[in-house]
PDB file of N, CA and C in Angstrom:
ATOM      1  N   MET A   1       4.080  -0.213 -11.566  1.00  0.00           N
ATOM      2  CA  MET A   1       3.950  -1.669 -12.004  1.00  0.00           C
ATOM      3  C   MET A   1       4.957  -1.955 -12.890  1.00  0.00           C
ATOM      4  N   THR A   2       5.092  -3.389 -12.554  1.00  0.00           N
ATOM      5  CA  THR A   2       6.622  -3.947 -13.452  1.00  0.00           C
ATOM      6  C   THR A   2       5.710  -3.990 -14.565  1.00  0.00           C
ATOM      7  N   VAL A   3       6.214  -4.415 -15.735  1.00  0.00           N
ATOM      8  CA  VAL A   3       5.924  -4.828 -17.162  1.00  0.00           C
ATOM      9  C   VAL A   3       5.852  -5.814 -16.967  1.00  0.00           C
ATOM     10  N   GLY A   4       4.965  -7.040 -17.789  1.00  0.00           N
ATOM     11  CA  GLY A   4       4.675  -8.142 -17.988  1.00  0.00           C
ATOM     12  C   GLY A   4       4.539  -8.726 -16.636  1.00  0.00           C
ATOM     13  N   ALA A   5       4.599  -7.843 -15.322  1.00  0.00           N
ATOM     14  CA  ALA A   5       3.757  -8.382 -14.187  1.00  0.00           C
ATOM     15  C   ALA A   5       1.778  -9.252 -14.664  1.00  0.00           C
ATOM     16  N   GLU A   6       1.723 -10.111 -13.631  1.00  0.00           N
ATOM     17  CA  GLU A   6       0.567 -10.542 -13.600  1.00  0.00           C
ATOM     18  C   GLU A   6      -0.156  -9.674 -12.926  1.00  0.00           C
ATOM     19  N   PRO A   7      -1.657  -8.981 -13.002  1.00  0.00           N
ATOM     20  CA  PRO A   7      -2.343  -7.934 -12.806  1.00  0.00           C
ATOM     21  C   PRO A   7      -2.956  -8.633 -11.682  1.00  0.00           C
ATOM     22  N   ALA A   8      -3.157  -7.679 -10.697  1.00  0.00           N
ATOM     23  CA  ALA A   8      -3.425  -7.943  -8.784  1.00  0.00           C
ATOM     24  C   ALA A   8      -4.520  -8.729  -9.037  1.00  0.00           C
ATOM     25  N   ARG A   9      -5.002  -9.923  -8.427  1.00  0.00           N
ATOM     26  CA  ARG A   9      -5.035 -11.067  -7.826  1.00  0.00           C
ATOM     27  C   ARG A   9      -6.761 -10.991  -6.760  1.00  0.00           C
ATOM     28  N   ARG A  10      -7.668 -10.315  -7.200  1.00  0.00           N
ATOM     29  CA  ARG A  10      -9.103 -10.221  -5.932  1.00  0.00           C
ATOM     30  C   ARG A  10      -9.301 -12.235  -5.106  1.00  0.00           C
ATOM     31  N   TRP A  11      -9.121 -11.665  -4.178  1.00  0.00           N
ATOM     32  CA  TRP A  11      -9.742 -12.952  -3.910  1.00  0.00           C
ATOM     33  C   TRP A  11     -11.314 -13.245  -4.000  1.00  0.00           C
ATOM     34  N   THR A  12     -11.523 -14.150  -4.191  1.00  0.00           N
ATOM     35  CA  THR A  12     -12.894 -14.584  -4.452  1.00  0.00           C
ATOM     36  C   THR A  12     -13.701 -15.703  -2.971  1.00  0.00           C
ATOM     37  N   PRO A  13     -15.046 -15.573  -2.555  1.00  0.00           N
ATOM     38  CA  PRO A  13     -15.823 -16.682  -1.624  1.00  0.00           C
ATOM     39  C   PRO A  13     -15.610 -17.700  -1.984  1.00  0.00           C
ATOM     40  N   GLN A  14     -15.114 -18.082  -3.275  1.00  0.00           N
ATOM     41  CA  GLN A  14     -14.489 -19.876  -3.477  1.00  0.00           C
ATOM     42  C   GLN A  14     -13.352 -20.190  -2.555  1.00  0.00           C
ATOM     43  N   ASP A  15     -12.677 -18.991  -2.757  1.00  0.00           N
ATOM     44  CA  ASP A  15     -11.164 -19.237  -2.162  1.00  0.00           C
ATOM     45  C   ASP A  15     -10.846 -18.677  -0.627  1.00  0.00           C
ATOM     46  N   PRO A  16     -11.822 -18.300   0.486  1.00  0.00           N
ATOM     47  CA  PRO A  16     -11.714 -17.726   1.641  1.00  0.00           C
ATOM     48  C   PRO A  16     -10.320 -17.989   2.164  1.00  0.00           C
ATOM     49  N   ARG A  17     -10.110 -19.323   2.431  1.00  0.00           N
ATOM     50  CA  ARG A  17      -8.741 -19.583   2.957  1.00  0.00           C
ATOM     51  C   ARG A  17      -7.426 -18.807   2.612  1.00  0.00           C
ATOM     52  N   GLU A  18      -7.535 -18.340   1.166  1.00  0.00           N
ATOM     53  CA  GLU A  18      -6.214 -17.900   0.893  1.00  0.00           C
ATOM     54  C   GLU A  18      -6.519 -16.618   1.084  1.00  0.00           C
ATOM     55  N   PHE A  19      -7.730 -16.141   1.003  1.00  0.00           N
ATOM     56  CA  PHE A  19      -7.801 -14.612   1.482  1.00  0.00           C
ATOM     57  C   PHE A  19      -7.268 -14.450   2.785  1.00  0.00           C
ATOM     58  N   VAL A  20      -8.054 -15.063   3.536  1.00  0.00           N
ATOM     59  CA  VAL A  20      -7.546 -14.912   5.015  1.00  0.00           C
ATOM     60  C   VAL A  20      -6.038 -14.995   4.957  1.00  0.00           C
ATOM     61  N   ALA A  21      -5.354 -15.873   4.001  1.00  0.00           N
ATOM     62  CA  ALA A  21      -4.015 -16.299   4.075  1.00  0.00           C
ATOM     63  C   ALA A  21      -3.317 -15.337   3.997  1.00  0.00           C
ATOM     64  N   ALA A  22      -3.812 -14.078   2.882  1.00  0.00           N
ATOM     65  CA  ALA A  22      -2.884 -12.897   2.191  1.00  0.00           C
ATOM     66  C   ALA A  22      -3.531 -12.333   3.034  1.00  0.00           C
ATOM     67  N   ALA A  23      -4.437 -11.662   3.911  1.00  0.00           N
ATOM     68  CA  ALA A  23      -5.036 -10.815   4.613  1.00  0.00           C
ATOM     69  C   ALA A  23      -3.796 -11.396   6.083  1.00  0.00           C
ATOM     70  N   GLN A  24      -3.593 -12.375   6.398  1.00  0.00           N
ATOM     71  CA  GLN A  24      -2.461 -12.547   7.533  1.00  0.00           C
ATOM     72  C   GLN A  24      -1.108 -11.784   6.888  1.00  0.00           C
ATOM     73  N   ARG A  25      -0.578 -12.406   5.661  1.00  0.00           N
ATOM     74  CA  ARG A  25       0.669 -11.796   5.324  1.00  0.00           C
ATOM     75  C   ARG A  25       0.674 -10.496   4.894  1.00  0.00           C
ATOM     76  N   ILE A  26      -0.221  -9.914   4.460  1.00  0.00           N
ATOM     77  CA  ILE A  26      -0.594  -8.727   4.202  1.00  0.00           C
ATOM     78  C   ILE A  26      -0.435  -7.459   5.277  1.00  0.00           C
ATOM     79  N   THR A  27      -0.748  -8.064   6.384  1.00  0.00           N
ATOM     80  CA  THR A  27      -1.178  -7.168   8.194  1.00  0.00           C
ATOM     81  C   THR A  27       0.466  -7.374   8.412  1.00  0.00           C
ATOM     82  N   ASN A  28       0.748  -8.344   9.101  1.00  0.00           N
ATOM     83  CA  ASN A  28       2.141  -8.874   9.512  1.00  0.00           C
ATOM     84  C   ASN A  28       2.855  -8.107   8.576  1.00  0.00           C
ATOM     85  N   SER A  29       3.303  -7.757   7.104  1.00  0.00           N
ATOM     86  CA  SER A  29       4.445  -7.515   6.733  1.00  0.00           C
ATOM     87  C   SER A  29       4.060  -6.031   6.425  1.00  0.00           C
ATOM     88  N   ARG A  30       2.880  -5.237   7.017  1.00  0.00           N
ATOM     89  CA  ARG A  30       2.331  -4.041   7.382  1.00  0.00           C
ATOM     90  C   ARG A  30       2.358  -3.222   5.199  1.00  0.00           C
ATOM     91  N   ASP A  31       1.830  -4.341   4.418  1.00  0.00           N
ATOM     92  CA  ASP A  31       1.762  -3.727   3.355  1.00  0.00           C
ATOM     93  C   ASP A  31       0.554  -3.090   3.611  1.00  0.00           C
ATOM     94  N   VAL A  32       0.523  -1.776   3.281  1.00  0.00           N
ATOM     95  CA  VAL A  32      -1.341  -1.001   3.288  1.00  0.00           C
ATOM     96  C   VAL A  32      -1.710  -1.692   2.299  1.00  0.00           C
ATOM     97  N   GLU A  33      -0.522  -1.395   0.953  1.00  0.00           N
ATOM     98  CA  GLU A  33      -1.526  -0.697  -0.549  1.00  0.00           C
ATOM     99  C   GLU A  33      -1.361  -2.451  -0.707  1.00  0.00           C
ATOM    100  N   ALA A  34      -0.891  -3.384  -0.651  1.00  0.00           N
ATOM    101  CA  ALA A  34      -1.391  -4.393  -0.501  1.00  0.00           C
ATOM    102  C   ALA A  34      -2.762  -4.853  -0.584  1.00  0.00           C
ATOM    103  N   VAL A  35      -3.226  -3.970   0.264  1.00  0.00           N
ATOM    104  CA  VAL A  35      -5.294  -4.365   0.897  1.00  0.00           C
ATOM    105  C   VAL A  35      -5.874  -4.074  -0.620  1.00  0.00           C
ATOM    106  N   ARG A  36      -5.011  -2.978  -1.587  1.00  0.00           N
ATOM    107  CA  ARG A  36      -5.885  -3.182  -2.803  1.00  0.00           C
ATOM    108  C   ARG A  36      -5.925  -4.355  -3.271  1.00  0.00           C
ATOM    109  N   SER A  37      -5.174  -5.468  -3.418  1.00  0.00           N
ATOM    110  CA  SER A  37      -5.105  -6.467  -4.125  1.00  0.00           C
ATOM    111  C   SER A  37      -5.938  -7.403  -3.959  1.00  0.00           C
ATOM    112  N   ILE A  38      -6.488  -6.687  -2.597  1.00  0.00           N
ATOM    113  CA  ILE A  38      -7.637  -8.656  -1.640  1.00  0.00           C
ATOM    114  C   ILE A  38      -9.333  -7.937  -1.941  1.00  0.00           C
ATOM    115  N   PHE A  39      -9.094  -6.788  -2.121  1.00  0.00           N
ATOM    116  CA  PHE A  39     -10.574  -6.267  -1.121  1.00  0.00           C
ATOM    117  C   PHE A  39     -10.706  -6.174  -2.638  1.00  0.00           C
ATOM    118  N   ALA A  40     -12.277  -5.847  -3.008  1.00  0.00           N
ATOM    119  CA  ALA A  40     -12.832  -5.179  -4.103  1.00  0.00           C
ATOM    120  C   ALA A  40     -13.255  -3.763  -4.090  1.00  0.00           C
ATOM    121  N   PRO A  41     -13.053  -3.138  -5.138  1.00  0.00           N
ATOM    122  CA  PRO A  41     -13.252  -1.426  -5.063  1.00  0.00           C
ATOM    123  C   PRO A  41     -14.307  -0.811  -3.814  1.00  0.00           C
ATOM    124  N   ASP A  42     -15.868  -1.881  -3.751  1.00  0.00           N
ATOM    125  CA  ASP A  42     -16.834  -1.415  -3.378  1.00  0.00           C
ATOM    126  C   ASP A  42     -16.956  -2.438  -2.246  1.00  0.00           C
ATOM    127  N   ALA A  43     -16.009  -2.794  -1.230  1.00  0.00           N
ATOM    128  CA  ALA A  43     -16.189  -3.661  -0.618  1.00  0.00           C
ATOM    129  C   ALA A  43     -16.428  -2.886   1.004  1.00  0.00           C
ATOM    130  N   ALA A  44     -16.671  -3.799   1.630  1.00  0.00           N
ATOM    131  CA  ALA A  44     -17.302  -3.278   3.110  1.00  0.00           C
ATOM    132  C   ALA A  44     -16.706  -3.781   4.460  1.00  0.00           C
ATOM    133  N   TRP A  45     -15.924  -3.260   4.954  1.00  0.00           N
ATOM    134  CA  TRP A  45     -14.597  -4.003   6.290  1.00  0.00           C
ATOM    135  C   TRP A  45     -15.442  -3.714   7.530  1.00  0.00           C
ATOM    136  N   THR A  46     -15.532  -4.472   8.200  1.00  0.00           N
ATOM    137  CA  THR A  46     -15.824  -4.385   9.478  1.00  0.00           C
ATOM    138  C   THR A  46     -14.824  -5.001  10.834  1.00  0.00           C
ATOM    139  N   ILE A  47     -13.988  -4.521  11.285  1.00  0.00           N
ATOM    140  CA  ILE A  47     -12.950  -5.275  12.116  1.00  0.00           C
ATOM    141  C   ILE A  47     -13.370  -4.380  13.905  1.00  0.00           C
ATOM    142  N   VAL A  48     -13.240  -5.450  14.981  1.00  0.00           N
ATOM    143  CA  VAL A  48     -13.680  -5.284  16.477  1.00  0.00           C
ATOM    144  C   VAL A  48     -12.020  -5.943  17.007  1.00  0.00           C
ATOM    145  N   ILE A  49     -11.990  -4.830  17.765  1.00  0.00           N
ATOM    146  CA  ILE A  49     -10.675  -5.070  18.387  1.00  0.00           C
ATOM    147  C   ILE A  49     -11.202  -4.781  19.762  1.00  0.00           C
ATOM    148  N   ASP A  50     -10.716  -5.904  21.065  1.00  0.00           N
ATOM    149  CA  ASP A  50     -11.273  -5.129  21.906  1.00  0.00           C
ATOM    150  C   ASP A  50     -12.683  -4.678  22.026  1.00  0.00           C
ATOM    151  N   GLY A  51     -13.861  -4.195  21.213  1.00  0.00           N
ATOM    152  CA  GLY A  51     -15.013  -4.413  21.783  1.00  0.00           C
ATOM    153  C   GLY A  51     -14.933  -3.028  21.201  1.00  0.00           C
ATOM    154  N   VAL A  52     -13.754  -2.405  20.159  1.00  0.00           N
ATOM    155  CA  VAL A  52     -14.406  -1.307  19.804  1.00  0.00           C
ATOM    156  C   VAL A  52     -14.181  -1.073  18.556  1.00  0.00           C
ATOM    157  N   VAL A  53     -15.041  -0.429  17.471  1.00  0.00           N
ATOM    158  CA  VAL A  53     -15.500  -1.227  16.111  1.00  0.00           C
ATOM    159  C   VAL A  53     -15.139   0.084  15.076  1.00  0.00           C
ATOM    160  N   LEU A  54     -14.539  -0.699  14.264  1.00  0.00           N
ATOM    161  CA  LEU A  54     -14.243  -0.111  12.855  1.00  0.00           C
ATOM    162  C   LEU A  54     -14.745  -0.483  11.903  1.00  0.00           C
ATOM    163  N   SER A  55     -15.584   0.292  11.010  1.00  0.00           N
ATOM    164  CA  SER A  55     -16.004  -0.274   9.446  1.00  0.00           C
ATOM    165  C   SER A  55     -15.545   0.879   8.697  1.00  0.00           C
ATOM    166  N   ALA A  56     -15.334   0.484   7.239  1.00  0.00           N
ATOM    167  CA  ALA A  56     -14.900   1.358   6.221  1.00  0.00           C
ATOM    168  C   ALA A  56     -15.362   0.415   4.826  1.00  0.00           C
ATOM    169  N   ASN A  57     -16.255   1.681   4.082  1.00  0.00           N
ATOM    170  CA  ASN A  57     -16.816   1.538   2.795  1.00  0.00           C
ATOM    171  C   ASN A  57     -16.040   1.899   2.029  1.00  0.00           C
ATOM    172  N   GLY A  58     -15.843   0.841   0.964  1.00  0.00           N
ATOM    173  CA  GLY A  58     -15.103   1.317  -0.227  1.00  0.00           C
ATOM    174  C   GLY A  58     -13.160   1.014  -0.007  1.00  0.00           C
ATOM    175  N   ILE A  59     -12.810   0.874  -1.292  1.00  0.00           N
ATOM    176  CA  ILE A  59     -11.118   0.394  -1.130  1.00  0.00           C
ATOM    177  C   ILE A  59     -10.418   2.050  -0.573  1.00  0.00           C
ATOM    178  N   ASP A  60     -10.600   2.666  -0.714  1.00  0.00           N
ATOM    179  CA  ASP A  60      -9.665   3.514  -0.313  1.00  0.00           C
ATOM    180  C   ASP A  60     -10.098   3.654   0.815  1.00  0.00           C
ATOM    181  N   GLU A  61     -11.506   4.103   1.920  1.00  0.00           N
ATOM    182  CA  GLU A  61     -11.474   4.395   3.058  1.00  0.00           C
ATOM    183  C   GLU A  61     -10.567   2.548   3.787  1.00  0.00           C
ATOM    184  N   ILE A  62     -11.000   1.067   3.460  1.00  0.00           N
ATOM    185  CA  ILE A  62     -10.557  -0.017   4.158  1.00  0.00           C
ATOM    186  C   ILE A  62      -8.656   0.608   3.659  1.00  0.00           C
ATOM    187  N   VAL A  63      -8.442   1.597   2.867  1.00  0.00           N
ATOM    188  CA  VAL A  63      -6.953   1.025   3.139  1.00  0.00           C
ATOM    189  C   VAL A  63      -6.302   2.294   4.518  1.00  0.00           C
ATOM    190  N   ARG A  64      -7.382   3.111   4.269  1.00  0.00           N
ATOM    191  CA  ARG A  64      -6.381   4.442   5.389  1.00  0.00           C
ATOM    192  C   ARG A  64      -7.306   3.730   6.460  1.00  0.00           C
ATOM    193  N   ARG A  65      -8.074   2.689   7.052  1.00  0.00           N
ATOM    194  CA  ARG A  65      -8.152   2.083   8.136  1.00  0.00           C
ATOM    195  C   ARG A  65      -7.283   0.821   8.949  1.00  0.00           C
ATOM    196  N   TRP A  66      -6.838   0.584   7.272  1.00  0.00           N
ATOM    197  CA  TRP A  66      -5.307  -0.542   7.851  1.00  0.00           C
ATOM    198  C   TRP A  66      -4.688   0.564   8.228  1.00  0.00           C
ATOM    199  N   GLN A  67      -4.145   1.201   7.498  1.00  0.00           N
ATOM    200  CA  GLN A  67      -2.905   2.019   7.858  1.00  0.00           C
ATOM    201  C   GLN A  67      -2.955   2.314   9.739  1.00  0.00           C
ATOM    202  N   LEU A  68      -4.151   3.158   9.910  1.00  0.00           N
ATOM    203  CA  LEU A  68      -3.861   3.081  11.043  1.00  0.00           C
ATOM    204  C   LEU A  68      -3.878   1.701  12.076  1.00  0.00           C
ATOM    205  N   MET A  69      -4.025   0.410  11.830  1.00  0.00           N
ATOM    206  CA  MET A  69      -4.199  -1.160  12.186  1.00  0.00           C
ATOM    207  C   MET A  69      -2.280  -1.094  12.129  1.00  0.00           C
ATOM    208  N   ALA A  70      -1.704  -0.757  11.033  1.00  0.00           N
ATOM    209  CA  ALA A  70      -0.223  -1.012  10.774  1.00  0.00           C
ATOM    210  C   ALA A  70       0.643  -0.190  11.208  1.00  0.00           C
ATOM    211  N   ARG A  71       0.227   0.968  11.922  1.00  0.00           N
ATOM    212  CA  ARG A  71       0.617   1.698  12.502  1.00  0.00           C
ATOM    213  C   ARG A  71       0.406   1.221  13.995  1.00  0.00           C
ATOM    214  N   PHE A  72      -0.323   0.660  14.516  1.00  0.00           N
ATOM    215  CA  PHE A  72      -0.504   0.311  15.778  1.00  0.00           C
ATOM    216  C   PHE A  72       0.181  -1.189  16.258  1.00  0.00           C
ATOM    217  N   LEU A  73      -0.073  -2.011  15.333  1.00  0.00           N
ATOM    218  CA  LEU A  73       0.649  -2.801  15.666  1.00  0.00           C
ATOM    219  C   LEU A  73       2.082  -2.691  15.425  1.00  0.00           C
ATOM    220  N   ARG A  74       2.331  -2.187  14.240  1.00  0.00           N
ATOM    221  CA  ARG A  74       3.971  -1.647  13.936  1.00  0.00           C
ATOM    222  C   ARG A  74       4.699  -0.948  15.544  1.00  0.00           C
ATOM    223  N   SER A  75       3.754   0.017  16.268  1.00  0.00           N
ATOM    224  CA  SER A  75       4.355   1.158  17.446  1.00  0.00           C
ATOM    225  C   SER A  75       4.506  -0.401  18.650  1.00  0.00           C
ATOM    226  N   ARG A  76       3.250  -1.425  18.360  1.00  0.00           N
ATOM    227  CA  ARG A  76       3.828  -2.470  19.736  1.00  0.00           C
ATOM    228  C   ARG A  76       4.595  -3.212  19.284  1.00  0.00           C
ATOM    229  N   ASN A  77       4.890  -3.966  18.184  1.00  0.00           N
ATOM    230  CA  ASN A  77       5.674  -4.802  17.902  1.00  0.00           C
ATOM    231  C   ASN A  77       4.909  -5.655  17.869  1.00  0.00           C
ATOM    232  N   LEU A  78       3.676  -6.176  17.095  1.00  0.00           N
ATOM    233  CA  LEU A  78       2.668  -7.044  17.009  1.00  0.00           C
ATOM    234  C   LEU A  78       2.902  -7.592  15.859  1.00  0.00           C
ATOM    235  N   ILE A  79       2.183  -9.148  15.204  1.00  0.00           N
ATOM    236  CA  ILE A  79       2.151  -9.956  14.241  1.00  0.00           C
ATOM    237  C   ILE A  79       0.640 -10.264  14.961  1.00  0.00           C
ATOM    238  N   VAL A  80      -0.087 -10.924  13.870  1.00  0.00           N
ATOM    239  CA  VAL A  80      -1.744 -11.436  14.261  1.00  0.00           C
ATOM    240  C   VAL A  80      -1.244 -13.168  13.502  1.00  0.00           C
ATOM    241  N   ALA A  81      -2.677 -13.903  13.933  1.00  0.00           N
ATOM    242  CA  ALA A  81      -2.479 -14.946  13.437  1.00  0.00           C
ATOM    243  C   ALA A  81      -3.998 -14.774  12.933  1.00  0.00           C
ATOM    244  N   LYS A  82      -4.838 -15.304  11.683  1.00  0.00           N
ATOM    245  CA  LYS A  82      -5.585 -14.856  11.961  1.00  0.00           C
ATOM    246  C   LYS A  82      -6.527 -16.564  11.188  1.00  0.00           C
ATOM    247  N   ARG A  83      -8.024 -16.689  11.507  1.00  0.00           N
ATOM    248  CA  ARG A  83      -8.192 -18.333  11.307  1.00  0.00           C
ATOM    249  C   ARG A  83      -9.776 -17.694  11.090  1.00  0.00           C
ATOM    250  N   LEU A  84      -9.783 -18.709   9.338  1.00  0.00           N
ATOM    251  CA  LEU A  84     -11.170 -18.242   9.123  1.00  0.00           C
ATOM    252  C   LEU A  84     -12.910 -18.788   9.648  1.00  0.00           C
ATOM    253  N   ILE A  85     -13.357 -18.531   9.909  1.00  0.00           N
ATOM    254  CA  ILE A  85     -14.534 -19.189  10.944  1.00  0.00           C
ATOM    255  C   ILE A  85     -15.797 -19.378  10.025  1.00  0.00           C
ATOM    256  N   THR A  86     -16.279 -18.391   9.213  1.00  0.00           N
ATOM    257  CA  THR A  86     -16.926 -19.022   8.231  1.00  0.00           C
ATOM    258  C   THR A  86     -17.125 -17.843   6.983  1.00  0.00           C
ATOM    259  N   ALA A  87     -17.567 -18.128   5.506  1.00  0.00           N
ATOM    260  CA  ALA A  87     -17.805 -17.338   3.936  1.00  0.00           C
ATOM    261  C   ALA A  87     -18.750 -17.983   3.525  1.00  0.00           C
ATOM    262  N   ASP A  88     -19.610 -16.831   3.499  1.00  0.00           N
ATOM    263  CA  ASP A  88     -20.589 -17.401   2.321  1.00  0.00           C
ATOM    264  C   ASP A  88     -20.250 -16.199   1.100  1.00  0.00           C
ATOM    265  N   GLU A  89     -21.172 -16.743  -0.057  1.00  0.00           N
ATOM    266  CA  GLU A  89     -21.029 -16.146  -1.418  1.00  0.00           C
ATOM    267  C   GLU A  89     -20.798 -14.357  -1.088  1.00  0.00           C
ATOM    268  N   ARG A  90     -21.285 -13.826  -0.377  1.00  0.00           N
ATOM    269  CA  ARG A  90     -20.814 -12.286  -0.390  1.00  0.00           C
ATOM    270  C   ARG A  90     -19.848 -11.915   1.437  1.00  0.00           C
ATOM    271  N   THR A  91     -20.113 -13.083   1.892  1.00  0.00           N
ATOM    272  CA  THR A  91     -19.455 -12.248   3.374  1.00  0.00           C
ATOM    273  C   THR A  91     -18.292 -13.411   3.818  1.00  0.00           C
ATOM    274  N   LEU A  92     -16.976 -12.570   4.308  1.00  0.00           N
ATOM    275  CA  LEU A  92     -16.441 -13.449   5.079  1.00  0.00           C
ATOM    276  C   LEU A  92     -15.971 -13.071   6.500  1.00  0.00           C
ATOM    277  N   VAL A  93     -15.811 -14.220   6.936  1.00  0.00           N
ATOM    278  CA  VAL A  93     -15.796 -13.861   8.937  1.00  0.00           C
ATOM    279  C   VAL A  93     -14.658 -14.656   9.113  1.00  0.00           C
ATOM    280  N   ASN A  94     -13.520 -13.958   9.765  1.00  0.00           N
ATOM    281  CA  ASN A  94     -12.686 -14.459  10.408  1.00  0.00           C
ATOM    282  C   ASN A  94     -11.836 -14.047  11.560  1.00  0.00           C
ATOM    283  N   GLU A  95     -11.339 -14.452  12.541  1.00  0.00           N
ATOM    284  CA  GLU A  95     -11.002 -14.529  13.827  1.00  0.00           C
ATOM    285  C   GLU A  95      -9.268 -14.106  13.776  1.00  0.00           C
ATOM    286  N   TRP A  96      -9.192 -13.071  14.723  1.00  0.00           N
ATOM    287  CA  TRP A  96      -7.535 -12.855  14.825  1.00  0.00           C
ATOM    288  C   TRP A  96      -7.021 -12.491  16.298  1.00  0.00           C
ATOM    289  N   THR A  97      -5.930 -13.046  16.539  1.00  0.00           N
ATOM    290  CA  THR A  97      -5.468 -13.013  17.553  1.00  0.00           C
ATOM    291  C   THR A  97      -3.896 -12.573  17.205  1.00  0.00           C
ATOM    292  N   SER A  98      -3.570 -11.693  18.515  1.00  0.00           N
ATOM    293  CA  SER A  98      -2.080 -10.715  18.034  1.00  0.00           C
ATOM    294  C   SER A  98      -1.105 -11.483  19.268  1.00  0.00           C
ATOM    295  N   GLY A  99       0.274 -11.213  19.553  1.00  0.00           N
ATOM    296  CA  GLY A  99       1.278 -11.311  20.253  1.00  0.00           C
ATOM    297  C   GLY A  99       2.260 -10.725  19.696  1.00  0.00           C
ATOM    298  N   PRO A 100       3.296 -10.681  20.677  1.00  0.00           N
ATOM    299  CA  PRO A 100       4.283 -10.117  20.350  1.00  0.00           C
ATOM    300  C   PRO A 100       5.268 -11.151  18.895  1.00  0.00           C
ATOM    301  N   SER A 101       6.416  -9.906  18.369  1.00  0.00           N
ATOM    302  CA  SER A 101       6.626 -10.559  16.648  1.00  0.00           C
ATOM    303  C   SER A 101       8.640 -10.826  17.448  1.00  0.00           C
ATOM    304  N   ALA A 102       8.651 -11.371  16.768  1.00  0.00           N
ATOM    305  CA  ALA A 102      10.423 -11.928  16.772  1.00  0.00           C
ATOM    306  C   ALA A 102      10.658 -10.086  16.296  1.00  0.00           C
ATOM    307  N   MET A 103      10.184  -9.533  15.311  1.00  0.00           N
ATOM    308  CA  MET A 103      10.759  -8.935  14.308  1.00  0.00           C
ATOM    309  C   MET A 103      11.439  -8.116  15.452  1.00  0.00           C
ATOM    310  N   PRO A 104      12.738  -7.181  15.519  1.00  0.00           N
ATOM    311  CA  PRO A 104      13.447  -5.981  15.871  1.00  0.00           C
ATOM    312  C   PRO A 104      12.298  -4.584  15.479  1.00  0.00           C
TER     313      PRO A 104
END
């Protein structure tokens, strides 16, 4: 941690578009540890990829699942685009698509 740095900000349901934008940036940069800055310690996360459901409860399990996803995306040189579908005070739903990256 850098001295004088602002504490990590957690996105809340009041700003779901910012959450989705941050999740897209973190996913495409493969910055797995940054996941801790957008999920609450007791968050639940579910992702469906081609019909396969991955779920995680708690930040440590979420980080482990994102590590898997980051390795998958990196090995195939893919990036994602995320779009907010809906959000309420407890749940956020986004859609994502992936495609080839221009990165080497």
